[in-house]
């Protein structure tokens, strides 16, 4: 076990807060890109229309979608 001083705890809190802010900014920027349809490389077809999306974001958020995208990519290379 490592003993931490008050300064160490404060530093860890700042790092954690920075990570949360980074994730919030990243999420916001990815959503803005998707909304503007910038760098979208996948079209999702749904009952009432289509949605442009980023395959990397979809793959990172769902293992099922990741496998489906990998299969499509592999079959299109053949």
PDB file of N, CA and C in Angstrom:
ATOM      1  N   UNK A   1       0.849  -1.181   0.000  1.00  0.00           N
ATOM      2  CA  UNK A   1       0.000   0.000   0.000  1.00  0.00           C
ATOM      3  C   UNK A   1       0.889   1.236   0.000  1.00  0.00           C
ATOM      4  N   UNK A   2       0.481   2.237  -0.755  1.00  0.00           N
ATOM      5  CA  UNK A   2       1.232   3.478  -0.869  1.00  0.00           C
ATOM      6  C   UNK A   2       0.479   4.568  -0.128  1.00  0.00           C
ATOM      7  N   UNK A   3       1.194   5.279   0.735  1.00  0.00           N
ATOM      8  CA  UNK A   3       0.588   6.397   1.450  1.00  0.00           C
ATOM      9  C   UNK A   3       0.613   7.624   0.549  1.00  0.00           C
ATOM     10  N   UNK A   4      -0.514   8.325   0.503  1.00  0.00           N
ATOM     11  CA  UNK A   4      -0.603   9.521  -0.326  1.00  0.00           C
ATOM     12  C   UNK A   4      -0.799  10.740   0.551  1.00  0.00           C
ATOM     13  N   UNK A   5      -0.115  11.811   0.204  1.00  0.00           N
ATOM     14  CA  UNK A   5      -0.274  13.066   0.936  1.00  0.00           C
ATOM     15  C   UNK A   5      -1.465  13.828   0.371  1.00  0.00           C
ATOM     16  N   UNK A   6      -1.804  14.908   1.021  1.00  0.00           N
ATOM     17  CA  UNK A   6      -2.896  15.751   0.533  1.00  0.00           C
ATOM     18  C   UNK A   6      -2.610  16.289  -0.856  1.00  0.00           C
ATOM     19  N   UNK A   7      -1.337  16.624  -1.123  1.00  0.00           N
ATOM     20  CA  UNK A   7      -0.960  17.117  -2.451  1.00  0.00           C
ATOM     21  C   UNK A   7      -1.160  16.035  -3.505  1.00  0.00           C
ATOM     22  N   UNK A   8      -0.840  14.782  -3.150  1.00  0.00           N
ATOM     23  CA  UNK A   8      -1.016  13.673  -4.088  1.00  0.00           C
ATOM     24  C   UNK A   8      -2.491  13.485  -4.422  1.00  0.00           C
ATOM     25  N   UNK A   9      -3.324  13.548  -3.416  1.00  0.00           N
ATOM     26  CA  UNK A   9      -4.762  13.384  -3.631  1.00  0.00           C
ATOM     27  C   UNK A   9      -5.297  14.509  -4.498  1.00  0.00           C
ATOM     28  N   UNK A  10      -4.850  15.738  -4.245  1.00  0.00           N
ATOM     29  CA  UNK A  10      -5.280  16.889  -5.038  1.00  0.00           C
ATOM     30  C   UNK A  10      -4.865  16.714  -6.498  1.00  0.00           C
ATOM     31  N   UNK A  11      -3.651  16.230  -6.712  1.00  0.00           N
ATOM     32  CA  UNK A  11      -3.158  15.990  -8.072  1.00  0.00           C
ATOM     33  C   UNK A  11      -4.015  14.934  -8.769  1.00  0.00           C
ATOM     34  N   UNK A  12      -4.350  13.866  -8.055  1.00  0.00           N
ATOM     35  CA  UNK A  12      -5.186  12.805  -8.633  1.00  0.00           C
ATOM     36  C   UNK A  12      -6.576  13.344  -8.974  1.00  0.00           C
ATOM     37  N   UNK A  13      -7.126  14.182  -8.112  1.00  0.00           N
ATOM     38  CA  UNK A  13      -8.424  14.789  -8.392  1.00  0.00           C
ATOM     39  C   UNK A  13      -8.364  15.652  -9.648  1.00  0.00           C
ATOM     40  N   UNK A  14      -7.277  16.407  -9.820  1.00  0.00           N
ATOM     41  CA  UNK A  14      -7.127  17.251 -10.999  1.00  0.00           C
ATOM     42  C   UNK A  14      -7.012  16.398 -12.262  1.00  0.00           C
ATOM     43  N   UNK A  15      -6.250  15.301 -12.185  1.00  0.00           N
ATOM     44  CA  UNK A  15      -6.122  14.407 -13.337  1.00  0.00           C
ATOM     45  C   UNK A  15      -7.470  13.794 -13.699  1.00  0.00           C
ATOM     46  N   UNK A  16      -8.203  13.351 -12.698  1.00  0.00           N
ATOM     47  CA  UNK A  16      -9.517  12.755 -12.953  1.00  0.00           C
ATOM     48  C   UNK A  16     -10.463  13.790 -13.541  1.00  0.00           C
ATOM     49  N   UNK A  17     -10.436  14.987 -13.020  1.00  0.00           N
ATOM     50  CA  UNK A  17     -11.273  16.059 -13.551  1.00  0.00           C
ATOM     51  C   UNK A  17     -10.897  16.394 -14.982  1.00  0.00           C
ATOM     52  N   UNK A  18      -9.603  16.380 -15.276  1.00  0.00           N
ATOM     53  CA  UNK A  18      -9.136  16.632 -16.637  1.00  0.00           C
ATOM     54  C   UNK A  18      -9.594  15.544 -17.589  1.00  0.00           C
ATOM     55  N   UNK A  19      -9.578  14.301 -17.131  1.00  0.00           N
ATOM     56  CA  UNK A  19     -10.016  13.186 -17.967  1.00  0.00           C
ATOM     57  C   UNK A  19     -11.507  13.302 -18.270  1.00  0.00           C
ATOM     58  N   UNK A  20     -12.285  13.676 -17.276  1.00  0.00           N
ATOM     59  CA  UNK A  20     -13.726  13.844 -17.482  1.00  0.00           C
ATOM     60  C   UNK A  20     -13.982  14.961 -18.486  1.00  0.00           C
ATOM     61  N   UNK A  21     -13.270  16.069 -18.344  1.00  0.00           N
ATOM     62  CA  UNK A  21     -13.439  17.189 -19.274  1.00  0.00           C
ATOM     63  C   UNK A  21     -13.040  16.764 -20.681  1.00  0.00           C
ATOM     64  N   UNK A  22     -11.933  16.013 -20.808  1.00  0.00           N
ATOM     65  CA  UNK A  22     -11.494  15.535 -22.122  1.00  0.00           C
ATOM     66  C   UNK A  22     -12.565  14.658 -22.766  1.00  0.00           C
ATOM     67  N   UNK A  23     -13.114  13.740 -22.007  1.00  0.00           N
ATOM     68  CA  UNK A  23     -14.147  12.838 -22.541  1.00  0.00           C
ATOM     69  C   UNK A  23     -15.381  13.631 -22.956  1.00  0.00           C
ATOM     70  N   UNK A  24     -15.762  14.610 -22.162  1.00  0.00           N
ATOM     71  CA  UNK A  24     -16.920  15.444 -22.505  1.00  0.00           C
ATOM     72  C   UNK A  24     -16.671  16.215 -23.800  1.00  0.00           C
ATOM     73  N   UNK A  25     -15.469  16.789 -23.950  1.00  0.00           N
ATOM     74  CA  UNK A  25     -15.136  17.530 -25.160  1.00  0.00           C
ATOM     75  C   UNK A  25     -15.083  16.608 -26.372  1.00  0.00           C
ATOM     76  N   UNK A  26     -14.478  15.435 -26.204  1.00  0.00           N
ATOM     77  CA  UNK A  26     -14.393  14.477 -27.297  1.00  0.00           C
ATOM     78  C   UNK A  26     -15.781  14.051 -27.761  1.00  0.00           C
ATOM     79  N   UNK A  27     -16.637  13.725 -26.820  1.00  0.00           N
ATOM     80  CA  UNK A  27     -18.003  13.324 -27.147  1.00  0.00           C
ATOM     81  C   UNK A  27     -18.749  14.442 -27.868  1.00  0.00           C
ATOM     82  N   UNK A  28     -18.601  15.644 -27.377  1.00  0.00           N
ATOM     83  CA  UNK A  28     -19.266  16.797 -27.982  1.00  0.00           C
ATOM     84  C   UNK A  28     -18.769  17.025 -29.408  1.00  0.00           C
ATOM     85  N   UNK A  29     -17.466  16.923 -29.610  1.00  0.00           N
ATOM     86  CA  UNK A  29     -16.902  17.154 -30.939  1.00  0.00           C
ATOM     87  C   UNK A  29     -17.282  16.043 -31.914  1.00  0.00           C
ATOM     88  N   UNK A  30     -17.295  14.804 -31.449  1.00  0.00           N
ATOM     89  CA  UNK A  30     -17.718  13.704 -32.313  1.00  0.00           C
ATOM     90  C   UNK A  30     -19.180  13.877 -32.723  1.00  0.00           C
ATOM     91  N   UNK A  31     -20.017  14.279 -31.778  1.00  0.00           N
ATOM     92  CA  UNK A  31     -21.430  14.506 -32.093  1.00  0.00           C
ATOM     93  C   UNK A  31     -21.585  15.644 -33.104  1.00  0.00           C
ATOM     94  N   UNK A  32     -20.798  16.706 -32.944  1.00  0.00           N
ATOM     95  CA  UNK A  32     -20.862  17.833 -33.878  1.00  0.00           C
ATOM     96  C   UNK A  32     -20.440  17.395 -35.278  1.00  0.00           C
ATOM     97  N   UNK A  33     -19.390  16.583 -35.376  1.00  0.00           N
ATOM     98  CA  UNK A  33     -18.968  16.068 -36.680  1.00  0.00           C
ATOM     99  C   UNK A  33     -20.073  15.227 -37.311  1.00  0.00           C
ATOM    100  N   UNK A  34     -20.693  14.379 -36.523  1.00  0.00           N
ATOM    101  CA  UNK A  34     -21.767  13.518 -37.035  1.00  0.00           C
ATOM    102  C   UNK A  34     -22.953  14.360 -37.488  1.00  0.00           C
ATOM    103  N   UNK A  35     -23.303  15.345 -36.694  1.00  0.00           N
ATOM    104  CA  UNK A  35     -24.455  16.207 -37.022  1.00  0.00           C
ATOM    105  C   UNK A  35     -24.211  16.968 -38.332  1.00  0.00           C
ATOM    106  N   UNK A  36     -22.939  17.365 -38.572  1.00  0.00           N
ATOM    107  CA  UNK A  36     -22.585  18.067 -39.805  1.00  0.00           C
ATOM    108  C   UNK A  36     -22.256  17.089 -40.938  1.00  0.00           C
ATOM    109  N   UNK A  37     -22.278  15.805 -40.629  1.00  0.00           N
ATOM    110  CA  UNK A  37     -21.950  14.736 -41.572  1.00  0.00           C
ATOM    111  C   UNK A  37     -20.531  14.878 -42.112  1.00  0.00           C
ATOM    112  N   UNK A  38     -19.599  15.234 -41.224  1.00  0.00           N
ATOM    113  CA  UNK A  38     -18.188  15.357 -41.570  1.00  0.00           C
ATOM    114  C   UNK A  38     -17.482  14.052 -41.215  1.00  0.00           C
ATOM    115  N   UNK A  39     -16.780  13.477 -42.186  1.00  0.00           N
ATOM    116  CA  UNK A  39     -16.013  12.239 -42.026  1.00  0.00           C
ATOM    117  C   UNK A  39     -16.884  11.026 -41.696  1.00  0.00           C
ATOM    118  N   UNK A  40     -18.168  11.109 -41.947  1.00  0.00           N
ATOM    119  CA  UNK A  40     -19.043   9.954 -41.749  1.00  0.00           C
ATOM    120  C   UNK A  40     -18.735   8.934 -42.839  1.00  0.00           C
ATOM    121  N   UNK A  41     -18.621   7.672 -42.453  1.00  0.00           N
ATOM    122  CA  UNK A  41     -18.261   6.644 -43.424  1.00  0.00           C
ATOM    123  C   UNK A  41     -19.227   5.462 -43.430  1.00  0.00           C
ATOM    124  N   UNK A  42     -20.331   5.580 -42.693  1.00  0.00           N
ATOM    125  CA  UNK A  42     -21.322   4.513 -42.613  1.00  0.00           C
ATOM    126  C   UNK A  42     -22.710   5.148 -42.668  1.00  0.00           C
ATOM    127  N   UNK A  43     -23.618   4.476 -43.367  1.00  0.00           N
ATOM    128  CA  UNK A  43     -25.015   4.901 -43.379  1.00  0.00           C
ATOM    129  C   UNK A  43     -25.849   3.820 -42.710  1.00  0.00           C
ATOM    130  N   UNK A  44     -26.574   4.197 -41.676  1.00  0.00           N
ATOM    131  CA  UNK A  44     -27.461   3.275 -40.978  1.00  0.00           C
ATOM    132  C   UNK A  44     -28.873   3.526 -41.506  1.00  0.00           C
ATOM    133  N   UNK A  45     -29.493   2.474 -42.009  1.00  0.00           N
ATOM    134  CA  UNK A  45     -30.853   2.587 -42.543  1.00  0.00           C
ATOM    135  C   UNK A  45     -31.825   2.117 -41.473  1.00  0.00           C
ATOM    136  N   UNK A  46     -32.787   2.982 -41.149  1.00  0.00           N
ATOM    137  CA  UNK A  46     -33.819   2.659 -40.158  1.00  0.00           C
ATOM    138  C   UNK A  46     -35.182   2.804 -40.823  1.00  0.00           C
ATOM    139  N   UNK A  47     -36.219   2.414 -40.119  1.00  0.00           N
ATOM    140  CA  UNK A  47     -37.566   2.419 -40.687  1.00  0.00           C
ATOM    141  C   UNK A  47     -37.959   3.753 -41.319  1.00  0.00           C
ATOM    142  N   UNK A  48     -37.615   4.850 -40.651  1.00  0.00           N
ATOM    143  CA  UNK A  48     -38.085   6.145 -41.138  1.00  0.00           C
ATOM    144  C   UNK A  48     -36.983   7.005 -41.762  1.00  0.00           C
ATOM    145  N   UNK A  49     -35.867   6.403 -42.150  1.00  0.00           N
ATOM    146  CA  UNK A  49     -34.834   7.190 -42.803  1.00  0.00           C
ATOM    147  C   UNK A  49     -33.450   6.597 -42.678  1.00  0.00           C
ATOM    148  N   UNK A  50     -32.464   7.483 -42.805  1.00  0.00           N
ATOM    149  CA  UNK A  50     -31.069   7.082 -42.750  1.00  0.00           C
ATOM    150  C   UNK A  50     -30.318   7.979 -41.787  1.00  0.00           C
ATOM    151  N   UNK A  51     -29.233   7.446 -41.242  1.00  0.00           N
ATOM    152  CA  UNK A  51     -28.383   8.192 -40.321  1.00  0.00           C
ATOM    153  C   UNK A  51     -26.943   7.988 -40.733  1.00  0.00           C
ATOM    154  N   UNK A  52     -26.234   9.084 -40.962  1.00  0.00           N
ATOM    155  CA  UNK A  52     -24.808   9.017 -41.260  1.00  0.00           C
ATOM    156  C   UNK A  52     -24.048   8.903 -39.939  1.00  0.00           C
ATOM    157  N   UNK A  53     -22.997   8.076 -39.935  1.00  0.00           N
ATOM    158  CA  UNK A  53     -22.271   7.850 -38.684  1.00  0.00           C
ATOM    159  C   UNK A  53     -20.802   7.565 -38.960  1.00  0.00           C
ATOM    160  N   UNK A  54     -20.037   7.518 -37.874  1.00  0.00           N
ATOM    161  CA  UNK A  54     -18.617   7.168 -37.920  1.00  0.00           C
ATOM    162  C   UNK A  54     -18.472   5.715 -37.483  1.00  0.00           C
ATOM    163  N   UNK A  55     -17.931   4.891 -38.343  1.00  0.00           N
ATOM    164  CA  UNK A  55     -17.832   3.466 -38.028  1.00  0.00           C
ATOM    165  C   UNK A  55     -16.974   3.209 -36.789  1.00  0.00           C
ATOM    166  N   UNK A  56     -15.927   3.982 -36.582  1.00  0.00           N
ATOM    167  CA  UNK A  56     -15.073   3.775 -35.413  1.00  0.00           C
ATOM    168  C   UNK A  56     -15.837   4.033 -34.113  1.00  0.00           C
ATOM    169  N   UNK A  57     -16.690   5.042 -34.112  1.00  0.00           N
ATOM    170  CA  UNK A  57     -17.484   5.343 -32.918  1.00  0.00           C
ATOM    171  C   UNK A  57     -18.496   4.225 -32.678  1.00  0.00           C
ATOM    172  N   UNK A  58     -19.153   3.775 -33.736  1.00  0.00           N
ATOM    173  CA  UNK A  58     -20.113   2.673 -33.598  1.00  0.00           C
ATOM    174  C   UNK A  58     -19.420   1.409 -33.105  1.00  0.00           C
ATOM    175  N   UNK A  59     -18.266   1.093 -33.692  1.00  0.00           N
ATOM    176  CA  UNK A  59     -17.534  -0.113 -33.308  1.00  0.00           C
ATOM    177  C   UNK A  59     -17.073  -0.047 -31.854  1.00  0.00           C
ATOM    178  N   UNK A  60     -16.669   1.124 -31.409  1.00  0.00           N
ATOM    179  CA  UNK A  60     -16.206   1.275 -30.025  1.00  0.00           C
ATOM    180  C   UNK A  60     -17.350   1.171 -29.026  1.00  0.00           C
ATOM    181  N   UNK A  61     -18.561   1.454 -29.467  1.00  0.00           N
ATOM    182  CA  UNK A  61     -19.686   1.455 -28.532  1.00  0.00           C
ATOM    183  C   UNK A  61     -20.442   0.133 -28.485  1.00  0.00           C
ATOM    184  N   UNK A  62     -20.155  -0.775 -29.432  1.00  0.00           N
ATOM    185  CA  UNK A  62     -20.896  -2.033 -29.467  1.00  0.00           C
ATOM    186  C   UNK A  62     -20.045  -3.133 -30.097  1.00  0.00           C
ATOM    187  N   UNK A  63     -19.813  -4.199 -29.351  1.00  0.00           N
ATOM    188  CA  UNK A  63     -19.056  -5.323 -29.905  1.00  0.00           C
ATOM    189  C   UNK A  63     -19.807  -5.972 -31.059  1.00  0.00           C
ATOM    190  N   UNK A  64     -21.127  -6.044 -30.973  1.00  0.00           N
ATOM    191  CA  UNK A  64     -21.930  -6.617 -32.047  1.00  0.00           C
ATOM    192  C   UNK A  64     -21.749  -5.809 -33.332  1.00  0.00           C
ATOM    193  N   UNK A  65     -21.891  -4.490 -33.231  1.00  0.00           N
ATOM    194  CA  UNK A  65     -21.733  -3.638 -34.408  1.00  0.00           C
ATOM    195  C   UNK A  65     -20.300  -3.721 -34.923  1.00  0.00           C
ATOM    196  N   UNK A  66     -19.333  -3.798 -34.022  1.00  0.00           N
ATOM    197  CA  UNK A  66     -17.938  -3.930 -34.429  1.00  0.00           C
ATOM    198  C   UNK A  66     -17.753  -5.176 -35.293  1.00  0.00           C
ATOM    199  N   UNK A  67     -18.300  -6.307 -34.851  1.00  0.00           N
ATOM    200  CA  UNK A  67     -18.188  -7.553 -35.628  1.00  0.00           C
ATOM    201  C   UNK A  67     -18.875  -7.408 -36.985  1.00  0.00           C
ATOM    202  N   UNK A  68     -20.039  -6.775 -37.001  1.00  0.00           N
ATOM    203  CA  UNK A  68     -20.766  -6.596 -38.266  1.00  0.00           C
ATOM    204  C   UNK A  68     -19.959  -5.726 -39.234  1.00  0.00           C
ATOM    205  N   UNK A  69     -19.395  -4.662 -38.737  1.00  0.00           N
ATOM    206  CA  UNK A  69     -18.600  -3.773 -39.584  1.00  0.00           C
ATOM    207  C   UNK A  69     -17.340  -4.468 -40.090  1.00  0.00           C
ATOM    208  N   UNK A  70     -16.724  -5.283 -39.240  1.00  0.00           N
ATOM    209  CA  UNK A  70     -15.536  -6.035 -39.660  1.00  0.00           C
ATOM    210  C   UNK A  70     -15.886  -7.013 -40.771  1.00  0.00           C
ATOM    211  N   UNK A  71     -17.046  -7.658 -40.659  1.00  0.00           N
ATOM    212  CA  UNK A  71     -17.480  -8.592 -41.693  1.00  0.00           C
ATOM    213  C   UNK A  71     -17.731  -7.875 -43.016  1.00  0.00           C
ATOM    214  N   UNK A  72     -18.397  -6.745 -42.955  1.00  0.00           N
ATOM    215  CA  UNK A  72     -18.683  -5.972 -44.172  1.00  0.00           C
ATOM    216  C   UNK A  72     -17.375  -5.510 -44.810  1.00  0.00           C
ATOM    217  N   UNK A  73     -16.463  -5.025 -43.991  1.00  0.00           N
ATOM    218  CA  UNK A  73     -15.177  -4.551 -44.500  1.00  0.00           C
ATOM    219  C   UNK A  73     -14.391  -5.695 -45.141  1.00  0.00           C
ATOM    220  N   UNK A  74     -14.378  -6.847 -44.475  1.00  0.00           N
ATOM    221  CA  UNK A  74     -13.642  -8.002 -45.014  1.00  0.00           C
ATOM    222  C   UNK A  74     -14.252  -8.470 -46.328  1.00  0.00           C
ATOM    223  N   UNK A  75     -15.571  -8.510 -46.413  1.00  0.00           N
ATOM    224  CA  UNK A  75     -16.211  -8.996 -47.644  1.00  0.00           C
ATOM    225  C   UNK A  75     -16.056  -7.996 -48.785  1.00  0.00           C
ATOM    226  N   UNK A  76     -15.954  -6.709 -48.488  1.00  0.00           N
ATOM    227  CA  UNK A  76     -15.810  -5.717 -49.559  1.00  0.00           C
ATOM    228  C   UNK A  76     -14.386  -5.705 -50.112  1.00  0.00           C
ATOM    229  N   UNK A  77     -13.442  -6.246 -49.359  1.00  0.00           N
ATOM    230  CA  UNK A  77     -12.053  -6.305 -49.837  1.00  0.00           C
ATOM    231  C   UNK A  77     -11.810  -7.486 -50.762  1.00  0.00           C
ATOM    232  N   UNK A  78     -12.722  -8.431 -50.761  1.00  0.00           N
ATOM    233  CA  UNK A  78     -12.540  -9.624 -51.595  1.00  0.00           C
ATOM    234  C   UNK A  78     -12.843  -9.365 -53.032  1.00  0.00           C
TER     235      UNK A  78
END
